[in-house]
PDB file of N, CA and C in Angstrom:
ATOM      1  N   MET A   1    -137.844  15.943 166.143  1.00  0.00           N
ATOM      2  CA  MET A   1    -139.537  15.838 165.364  1.00  0.00           C
ATOM      3  C   MET A   1    -140.001  17.409 166.356  1.00  0.00           C
ATOM      4  N   HIS A   2    -141.152  18.107 166.276  1.00  0.00           N
ATOM      5  CA  HIS A   2    -142.041  18.895 167.142  1.00  0.00           C
ATOM      6  C   HIS A   2    -142.968  18.420 167.514  1.00  0.00           C
ATOM      7  N   GLN A   3    -142.690  19.174 168.297  1.00  0.00           N
ATOM      8  CA  GLN A   3    -144.518  18.885 169.438  1.00  0.00           C
ATOM      9  C   GLN A   3    -145.223  19.161 168.215  1.00  0.00           C
ATOM     10  N   ASP A   4    -145.889  19.919 167.294  1.00  0.00           N
ATOM     11  CA  ASP A   4    -146.790  19.625 166.696  1.00  0.00           C
ATOM     12  C   ASP A   4    -146.647  18.184 165.595  1.00  0.00           C
ATOM     13  N   ASP A   5    -145.599  17.635 165.384  1.00  0.00           N
ATOM     14  CA  ASP A   5    -145.862  16.791 164.259  1.00  0.00           C
ATOM     15  C   ASP A   5    -146.566  15.605 164.337  1.00  0.00           C
ATOM     16  N   ARG A   6    -146.064  15.462 166.472  1.00  0.00           N
ATOM     17  CA  ARG A   6    -146.610  14.028 166.544  1.00  0.00           C
ATOM     18  C   ARG A   6    -148.160  13.895 166.343  1.00  0.00           C
ATOM     19  N   GLY A   7    -148.164  12.898 165.562  1.00  0.00           N
ATOM     20  CA  GLY A   7    -150.016  12.652 165.742  1.00  0.00           C
ATOM     21  C   GLY A   7    -150.515  12.032 167.123  1.00  0.00           C
ATOM     22  N   PRO A   8    -151.625  11.649 166.724  1.00  0.00           N
ATOM     23  CA  PRO A   8    -152.304  10.559 168.113  1.00  0.00           C
ATOM     24  C   PRO A   8    -151.431   9.040 167.974  1.00  0.00           C
ATOM     25  N   ARG A   9    -150.953   8.465 169.149  1.00  0.00           N
ATOM     26  CA  ARG A   9    -150.345   7.579 169.079  1.00  0.00           C
ATOM     27  C   ARG A   9    -151.384   6.440 167.988  1.00  0.00           C
ATOM     28  N   PRO A  10    -150.150   5.303 167.712  1.00  0.00           N
ATOM     29  CA  PRO A  10    -150.718   4.253 166.336  1.00  0.00           C
ATOM     30  C   PRO A  10    -151.694   3.409 167.587  1.00  0.00           C
ATOM     31  N   VAL A  11    -152.463   2.924 166.583  1.00  0.00           N
ATOM     32  CA  VAL A  11    -154.168   2.231 167.873  1.00  0.00           C
ATOM     33  C   VAL A  11    -152.980   0.671 166.740  1.00  0.00           C
ATOM     34  N   THR A  12    -154.042  -0.881 166.917  1.00  0.00           N
ATOM     35  CA  THR A  12    -154.107  -1.847 165.921  1.00  0.00           C
ATOM     36  C   THR A  12    -155.347  -1.736 165.618  1.00  0.00           C
ATOM     37  N   ILE A  13    -155.232  -1.712 164.015  1.00  0.00           N
ATOM     38  CA  ILE A  13    -156.559  -2.429 163.714  1.00  0.00           C
ATOM     39  C   ILE A  13    -156.131  -3.680 163.106  1.00  0.00           C
ATOM     40  N   ILE A  14    -157.580  -4.073 163.057  1.00  0.00           N
ATOM     41  CA  ILE A  14    -158.009  -5.707 162.047  1.00  0.00           C
ATOM     42  C   ILE A  14    -158.151  -5.850 160.972  1.00  0.00           C
ATOM     43  N   VAL A  15    -157.317  -6.100 159.205  1.00  0.00           N
ATOM     44  CA  VAL A  15    -157.667  -6.593 157.965  1.00  0.00           C
ATOM     45  C   VAL A  15    -158.276  -7.556 157.625  1.00  0.00           C
ATOM     46  N   ASN A  16    -159.433  -8.245 157.415  1.00  0.00           N
ATOM     47  CA  ASN A  16    -158.990  -9.639 156.897  1.00  0.00           C
ATOM     48  C   ASN A  16    -157.875 -10.498 157.924  1.00  0.00           C
ATOM     49  N   THR A  17    -158.015 -10.309 159.316  1.00  0.00           N
ATOM     50  CA  THR A  17    -157.489 -10.828 160.164  1.00  0.00           C
ATOM     51  C   THR A  17    -156.555 -10.936 160.444  1.00  0.00           C
ATOM     52  N   ARG A  18    -155.732 -10.127 159.465  1.00  0.00           N
ATOM     53  CA  ARG A  18    -154.161  -9.346 160.573  1.00  0.00           C
ATOM     54  C   ARG A  18    -154.176  -7.610 160.726  1.00  0.00           C
ATOM     55  N   SER A  19    -153.223  -7.927 161.738  1.00  0.00           N
ATOM     56  CA  SER A  19    -153.201  -6.864 162.561  1.00  0.00           C
ATOM     57  C   SER A  19    -152.116  -6.021 162.286  1.00  0.00           C
ATOM     58  N   TYR A  20    -152.712  -4.520 161.451  1.00  0.00           N
ATOM     59  CA  TYR A  20    -151.487  -3.279 161.688  1.00  0.00           C
ATOM     60  C   TYR A  20    -151.481  -2.219 162.470  1.00  0.00           C
ATOM     61  N   PRO A  21    -150.917  -1.729 162.605  1.00  0.00           N
ATOM     62  CA  PRO A  21    -150.480  -0.192 163.265  1.00  0.00           C
ATOM     63  C   PRO A  21    -151.341   0.345 162.410  1.00  0.00           C
ATOM     64  N   TRP A  22    -151.839   1.420 162.981  1.00  0.00           N
ATOM     65  CA  TRP A  22    -152.729   2.335 162.558  1.00  0.00           C
ATOM     66  C   TRP A  22    -152.480   3.901 163.140  1.00  0.00           C
ATOM     67  N   GLU A  23    -151.574   5.009 162.786  1.00  0.00           N
ATOM     68  CA  GLU A  23    -151.491   6.137 163.135  1.00  0.00           C
ATOM     69  C   GLU A  23    -152.363   7.305 162.913  1.00  0.00           C
ATOM     70  N   ALA A  24    -153.009   7.337 161.588  1.00  0.00           N
ATOM     71  CA  ALA A  24    -154.354   8.627 162.021  1.00  0.00           C
ATOM     72  C   ALA A  24    -155.123   8.306 162.594  1.00  0.00           C
ATOM     73  N   LYS A  25    -156.240   9.261 162.743  1.00  0.00           N
ATOM     74  CA  LYS A  25    -157.717   9.394 163.480  1.00  0.00           C
ATOM     75  C   LYS A  25    -158.131   8.502 162.713  1.00  0.00           C
ATOM     76  N   ASP A  26    -158.605   8.286 160.664  1.00  0.00           N
ATOM     77  CA  ASP A  26    -158.981   8.410 160.424  1.00  0.00           C
ATOM     78  C   ASP A  26    -158.733   7.339 159.151  1.00  0.00           C
ATOM     79  N   ILE A  27    -159.394   6.741 158.863  1.00  0.00           N
ATOM     80  CA  ILE A  27    -158.935   5.654 157.478  1.00  0.00           C
ATOM     81  C   ILE A  27    -159.525   5.885 156.563  1.00  0.00           C
ATOM     82  N   THR A  28    -159.434   5.368 155.229  1.00  0.00           N
ATOM     83  CA  THR A  28    -160.032   5.669 154.032  1.00  0.00           C
ATOM     84  C   THR A  28    -160.561   4.593 153.434  1.00  0.00           C
ATOM     85  N   PHE A  29    -161.895   4.301 152.577  1.00  0.00           N
ATOM     86  CA  PHE A  29    -162.099   3.213 151.927  1.00  0.00           C
ATOM     87  C   PHE A  29    -160.742   2.751 150.925  1.00  0.00           C
ATOM     88  N   GLU A  30    -159.594   3.567 150.543  1.00  0.00           N
ATOM     89  CA  GLU A  30    -159.110   2.954 149.763  1.00  0.00           C
ATOM     90  C   GLU A  30    -157.733   2.565 150.444  1.00  0.00           C
ATOM     91  N   GLN A  31    -157.729   3.121 151.478  1.00  0.00           N
ATOM     92  CA  GLN A  31    -156.164   2.350 152.674  1.00  0.00           C
ATOM     93  C   GLN A  31    -156.839   0.994 152.931  1.00  0.00           C
ATOM     94  N   VAL A  32    -158.128   0.744 153.358  1.00  0.00           N
ATOM     95  CA  VAL A  32    -157.975  -0.623 153.811  1.00  0.00           C
ATOM     96  C   VAL A  32    -158.037  -1.829 152.581  1.00  0.00           C
ATOM     97  N   VAL A  33    -158.324  -1.314 151.788  1.00  0.00           N
ATOM     98  CA  VAL A  33    -158.362  -1.661 150.663  1.00  0.00           C
ATOM     99  C   VAL A  33    -157.044  -2.245 150.505  1.00  0.00           C
ATOM    100  N   GLU A  34    -155.639  -0.846 150.500  1.00  0.00           N
ATOM    101  CA  GLU A  34    -154.475  -1.755 150.050  1.00  0.00           C
ATOM    102  C   GLU A  34    -154.165  -2.341 151.434  1.00  0.00           C
ATOM    103  N   LEU A  35    -154.336  -1.857 153.080  1.00  0.00           N
ATOM    104  CA  LEU A  35    -153.967  -2.980 153.657  1.00  0.00           C
ATOM    105  C   LEU A  35    -154.292  -4.390 153.415  1.00  0.00           C
ATOM    106  N   ALA A  36    -155.484  -4.476 152.990  1.00  0.00           N
ATOM    107  CA  ALA A  36    -156.010  -5.855 152.573  1.00  0.00           C
ATOM    108  C   ALA A  36    -155.455  -6.907 151.611  1.00  0.00           C
ATOM    109  N   TYR A  37    -155.497  -6.094 149.885  1.00  0.00           N
ATOM    110  CA  TYR A  37    -154.784  -6.320 148.668  1.00  0.00           C
ATOM    111  C   TYR A  37    -153.447  -4.974 148.550  1.00  0.00           C
ATOM    112  N   PRO A  38    -152.558  -5.765 149.250  1.00  0.00           N
ATOM    113  CA  PRO A  38    -151.538  -4.615 149.260  1.00  0.00           C
ATOM    114  C   PRO A  38    -150.523  -4.609 147.831  1.00  0.00           C
ATOM    115  N   GLY A  39    -150.140  -3.702 146.815  1.00  0.00           N
ATOM    116  CA  GLY A  39    -149.983  -4.190 146.363  1.00  0.00           C
ATOM    117  C   GLY A  39    -150.586  -4.722 144.356  1.00  0.00           C
ATOM    118  N   GLN A  40    -152.617  -4.209 144.720  1.00  0.00           N
ATOM    119  CA  GLN A  40    -153.052  -5.258 143.740  1.00  0.00           C
ATOM    120  C   GLN A  40    -154.370  -3.857 143.650  1.00  0.00           C
ATOM    121  N   PRO A  41    -153.594  -2.952 142.382  1.00  0.00           N
ATOM    122  CA  PRO A  41    -154.592  -1.921 142.223  1.00  0.00           C
ATOM    123  C   PRO A  41    -155.603  -2.883 141.613  1.00  0.00           C
ATOM    124  N   PRO A  42    -157.042  -1.666 142.044  1.00  0.00           N
ATOM    125  CA  PRO A  42    -157.920  -2.271 141.668  1.00  0.00           C
ATOM    126  C   PRO A  42    -158.259  -2.433 140.165  1.00  0.00           C
ATOM    127  N   THR A  43    -159.031  -2.797 139.825  1.00  0.00           N
ATOM    128  CA  THR A  43    -159.002  -3.043 138.299  1.00  0.00           C
ATOM    129  C   THR A  43    -160.747  -2.575 138.158  1.00  0.00           C
ATOM    130  N   ASP A  44    -160.794  -2.165 136.841  1.00  0.00           N
ATOM    131  CA  ASP A  44    -162.099  -1.827 136.614  1.00  0.00           C
ATOM    132  C   ASP A  44    -163.566  -3.080 136.980  1.00  0.00           C
ATOM    133  N   GLN A  45    -162.343  -4.472 137.028  1.00  0.00           N
ATOM    134  CA  GLN A  45    -163.336  -5.544 136.888  1.00  0.00           C
ATOM    135  C   GLN A  45    -163.516  -5.821 138.558  1.00  0.00           C
ATOM    136  N   ASP A  46    -163.134  -5.207 138.871  1.00  0.00           N
ATOM    137  CA  ASP A  46    -162.931  -5.113 140.918  1.00  0.00           C
ATOM    138  C   ASP A  46    -163.928  -4.770 141.585  1.00  0.00           C
ATOM    139  N   ALA A  47    -164.455  -4.985 142.304  1.00  0.00           N
ATOM    140  CA  ALA A  47    -165.646  -4.466 142.833  1.00  0.00           C
ATOM    141  C   ALA A  47    -164.941  -4.527 144.514  1.00  0.00           C
ATOM    142  N   TYR A  48    -165.298  -4.145 145.809  1.00  0.00           N
ATOM    143  CA  TYR A  48    -164.368  -4.189 146.737  1.00  0.00           C
ATOM    144  C   TYR A  48    -165.608  -3.570 147.583  1.00  0.00           C
ATOM    145  N   THR A  49    -166.231  -4.276 148.927  1.00  0.00           N
ATOM    146  CA  THR A  49    -167.015  -4.292 149.808  1.00  0.00           C
ATOM    147  C   THR A  49    -166.062  -4.039 151.248  1.00  0.00           C
ATOM    148  N   VAL A  50    -166.292  -3.217 151.866  1.00  0.00           N
ATOM    149  CA  VAL A  50    -165.560  -3.558 152.697  1.00  0.00           C
ATOM    150  C   VAL A  50    -166.321  -2.452 154.342  1.00  0.00           C
ATOM    151  N   ARG A  51    -166.879  -4.045 155.209  1.00  0.00           N
ATOM    152  CA  ARG A  51    -167.518  -4.084 156.414  1.00  0.00           C
ATOM    153  C   ARG A  51    -166.955  -3.476 158.011  1.00  0.00           C
ATOM    154  N   TYR A  52    -166.840  -2.653 158.606  1.00  0.00           N
ATOM    155  CA  TYR A  52    -166.202  -2.566 160.003  1.00  0.00           C
ATOM    156  C   TYR A  52    -167.552  -3.107 161.003  1.00  0.00           C
ATOM    157  N   SER A  53    -166.278  -2.972 162.357  1.00  0.00           N
ATOM    158  CA  SER A  53    -167.277  -3.095 163.946  1.00  0.00           C
ATOM    159  C   SER A  53    -165.923  -3.496 164.627  1.00  0.00           C
ATOM    160  N   ARG A  54    -166.455  -2.574 165.878  1.00  0.00           N
ATOM    161  CA  ARG A  54    -166.015  -2.651 167.233  1.00  0.00           C
ATOM    162  C   ARG A  54    -165.888  -0.866 166.988  1.00  0.00           C
ATOM    163  N   GLY A  55    -166.337  -0.305 165.984  1.00  0.00           N
ATOM    164  CA  GLY A  55    -165.510   1.135 165.853  1.00  0.00           C
ATOM    165  C   GLY A  55    -166.179   1.909 167.170  1.00  0.00           C
ATOM    166  N   HIS A  56    -166.419   3.549 166.928  1.00  0.00           N
ATOM    167  CA  HIS A  56    -166.466   4.120 167.976  1.00  0.00           C
ATOM    168  C   HIS A  56    -168.098   3.803 168.073  1.00  0.00           C
ATOM    169  N   ASP A  57    -168.507   4.607 169.888  1.00  0.00           N
ATOM    170  CA  ASP A  57    -170.022   4.846 169.649  1.00  0.00           C
ATOM    171  C   ASP A  57    -171.205   5.234 169.163  1.00  0.00           C
ATOM    172  N   GLY A  58    -171.944   4.898 168.446  1.00  0.00           N
ATOM    173  CA  GLY A  58    -172.520   5.336 167.362  1.00  0.00           C
ATOM    174  C   GLY A  58    -172.894   4.566 165.641  1.00  0.00           C
ATOM    175  N   HIS A  59    -170.925   4.747 166.238  1.00  0.00           N
ATOM    176  CA  HIS A  59    -170.137   3.917 164.585  1.00  0.00           C
ATOM    177  C   HIS A  59    -169.798   3.113 164.808  1.00  0.00           C
ATOM    178  N   GLY A  60    -170.142   2.052 165.776  1.00  0.00           N
ATOM    179  CA  GLY A  60    -169.780   0.829 165.754  1.00  0.00           C
ATOM    180  C   GLY A  60    -169.424  -0.333 165.207  1.00  0.00           C
ATOM    181  N   SER A  61    -171.024  -0.092 164.161  1.00  0.00           N
ATOM    182  CA  SER A  61    -170.310  -1.049 162.890  1.00  0.00           C
ATOM    183  C   SER A  61    -170.909  -0.630 162.095  1.00  0.00           C
ATOM    184  N   GLY A  62    -170.763  -0.803 160.665  1.00  0.00           N
ATOM    185  CA  GLY A  62    -171.492  -0.488 158.840  1.00  0.00           C
ATOM    186  C   GLY A  62    -170.664  -1.044 157.644  1.00  0.00           C
ATOM    187  N   SER A  63    -170.739  -0.612 156.626  1.00  0.00           N
ATOM    188  CA  SER A  63    -170.007  -0.137 155.291  1.00  0.00           C
ATOM    189  C   SER A  63    -169.579   1.107 155.425  1.00  0.00           C
ATOM    190  N   LEU A  64    -168.181   1.114 154.883  1.00  0.00           N
ATOM    191  CA  LEU A  64    -167.308   1.610 154.058  1.00  0.00           C
ATOM    192  C   LEU A  64    -167.075   1.799 152.041  1.00  0.00           C
ATOM    193  N   THR A  65    -168.061   3.072 151.904  1.00  0.00           N
ATOM    194  CA  THR A  65    -167.486   2.915 150.872  1.00  0.00           C
ATOM    195  C   THR A  65    -166.761   4.123 150.440  1.00  0.00           C
ATOM    196  N   ALA A  66    -166.237   4.051 148.376  1.00  0.00           N
ATOM    197  CA  ALA A  66    -165.199   4.419 148.094  1.00  0.00           C
ATOM    198  C   ALA A  66    -165.659   6.358 147.877  1.00  0.00           C
ATOM    199  N   GLY A  67    -163.931   6.633 148.427  1.00  0.00           N
ATOM    200  CA  GLY A  67    -164.194   8.012 148.752  1.00  0.00           C
ATOM    201  C   GLY A  67    -164.718   8.234 150.282  1.00  0.00           C
ATOM    202  N   HIS A  68    -164.880   7.577 151.024  1.00  0.00           N
ATOM    203  CA  HIS A  68    -165.040   7.951 152.309  1.00  0.00           C
ATOM    204  C   HIS A  68    -164.322   7.543 152.945  1.00  0.00           C
ATOM    205  N   SER A  69    -163.773   7.851 154.764  1.00  0.00           N
ATOM    206  CA  SER A  69    -163.579   7.753 155.475  1.00  0.00           C
ATOM    207  C   SER A  69    -163.986   7.650 157.327  1.00  0.00           C
ATOM    208  N   VAL A  70    -163.699   6.564 157.599  1.00  0.00           N
ATOM    209  CA  VAL A  70    -164.271   6.478 159.176  1.00  0.00           C
ATOM    210  C   VAL A  70    -163.261   6.868 160.451  1.00  0.00           C
ATOM    211  N   LYS A  71    -163.540   6.894 161.497  1.00  0.00           N
ATOM    212  CA  LYS A  71    -162.481   6.801 162.596  1.00  0.00           C
ATOM    213  C   LYS A  71    -162.247   5.877 162.975  1.00  0.00           C
ATOM    214  N   VAL A  72    -161.278   5.809 163.257  1.00  0.00           N
ATOM    215  CA  VAL A  72    -160.208   4.428 163.653  1.00  0.00           C
ATOM    216  C   VAL A  72    -160.524   4.085 165.053  1.00  0.00           C
ATOM    217  N   LYS A  73    -160.745   3.775 165.771  1.00  0.00           N
ATOM    218  CA  LYS A  73    -160.328   2.896 167.261  1.00  0.00           C
ATOM    219  C   LYS A  73    -159.663   1.804 167.613  1.00  0.00           C
ATOM    220  N   ASN A  74    -158.869   1.170 168.372  1.00  0.00           N
ATOM    221  CA  ASN A  74    -157.994   0.656 168.368  1.00  0.00           C
ATOM    222  C   ASN A  74    -159.000  -0.880 169.123  1.00  0.00           C
ATOM    223  N   GLY A  75    -158.159  -2.014 168.075  1.00  0.00           N
ATOM    224  CA  GLY A  75    -158.864  -2.854 168.093  1.00  0.00           C
ATOM    225  C   GLY A  75    -160.080  -2.932 166.983  1.00  0.00           C
ATOM    226  N   MET A  76    -160.142  -1.645 166.252  1.00  0.00           N
ATOM    227  CA  MET A  76    -161.273  -1.628 165.173  1.00  0.00           C
ATOM    228  C   MET A  76    -161.129  -3.335 164.334  1.00  0.00           C
ATOM    229  N   VAL A  77    -162.141  -3.455 164.090  1.00  0.00           N
ATOM    230  CA  VAL A  77    -161.811  -4.749 162.443  1.00  0.00           C
ATOM    231  C   VAL A  77    -162.467  -4.702 161.507  1.00  0.00           C
ATOM    232  N   PHE A  78    -161.765  -4.734 160.195  1.00  0.00           N
ATOM    233  CA  PHE A  78    -162.316  -4.328 159.030  1.00  0.00           C
ATOM    234  C   PHE A  78    -162.888  -5.806 158.133  1.00  0.00           C
ATOM    235  N   ASP A  79    -163.987  -5.831 157.296  1.00  0.00           N
ATOM    236  CA  ASP A  79    -163.652  -7.152 156.661  1.00  0.00           C
ATOM    237  C   ASP A  79    -163.207  -6.984 155.270  1.00  0.00           C
ATOM    238  N   VAL A  80    -162.609  -7.167 154.249  1.00  0.00           N
ATOM    239  CA  VAL A  80    -162.917  -6.628 152.826  1.00  0.00           C
ATOM    240  C   VAL A  80    -162.812  -7.644 152.053  1.00  0.00           C
ATOM    241  N   PHE A  81    -163.736  -7.653 151.332  1.00  0.00           N
ATOM    242  CA  PHE A  81    -164.327  -8.482 149.867  1.00  0.00           C
ATOM    243  C   PHE A  81    -163.916  -7.841 148.744  1.00  0.00           C
ATOM    244  N   ARG A  82    -162.863  -8.995 147.655  1.00  0.00           N
ATOM    245  CA  ARG A  82    -163.405  -8.127 146.809  1.00  0.00           C
ATOM    246  C   ARG A  82    -163.486  -9.497 145.368  1.00  0.00           C
ATOM    247  N   THR A  83    -164.598  -9.014 145.133  1.00  0.00           N
ATOM    248  CA  THR A  83    -165.949 -10.161 143.688  1.00  0.00           C
ATOM    249  C   THR A  83    -165.362  -9.330 142.086  1.00  0.00           C
ATOM    250  N   SER A  84    -164.822 -10.030 141.649  1.00  0.00           N
ATOM    251  CA  SER A  84    -164.733  -9.855 140.343  1.00  0.00           C
ATOM    252  C   SER A  84    -165.671  -9.623 138.881  1.00  0.00           C
ATOM    253  N   ARG A  85    -165.656  -8.823 138.196  1.00  0.00           N
ATOM    254  CA  ARG A  85    -167.206  -9.106 137.853  1.00  0.00           C
ATOM    255  C   ARG A  85    -165.894  -9.501 136.186  1.00  0.00           C
ATOM    256  N   SER A  86    -167.231 -11.254 135.785  1.00  0.00           N
ATOM    257  CA  SER A  86    -167.214 -11.533 134.564  1.00  0.00           C
ATOM    258  C   SER A  86    -167.204 -10.838 133.234  1.00  0.00           C
TER     259      SER A  86
END
């Protein structure tokens, strides 16, 4: 492993009450959804809402939408809700 290959030290994030180690500086909407619902690819019938709290100053809490990301911080909490359209 080269010096340049080392990323940031892993932090612990919480997704739907479960703890996960996370090594990247950011996390995308799609990555949070995958952690919340592993192996369950979204369909056209599914809508996801991602809310977070305990984030960085100025972005301590909010919503994450498809195609966007947020900087992660140790102990950051994500709540992912799936709604199926009937």
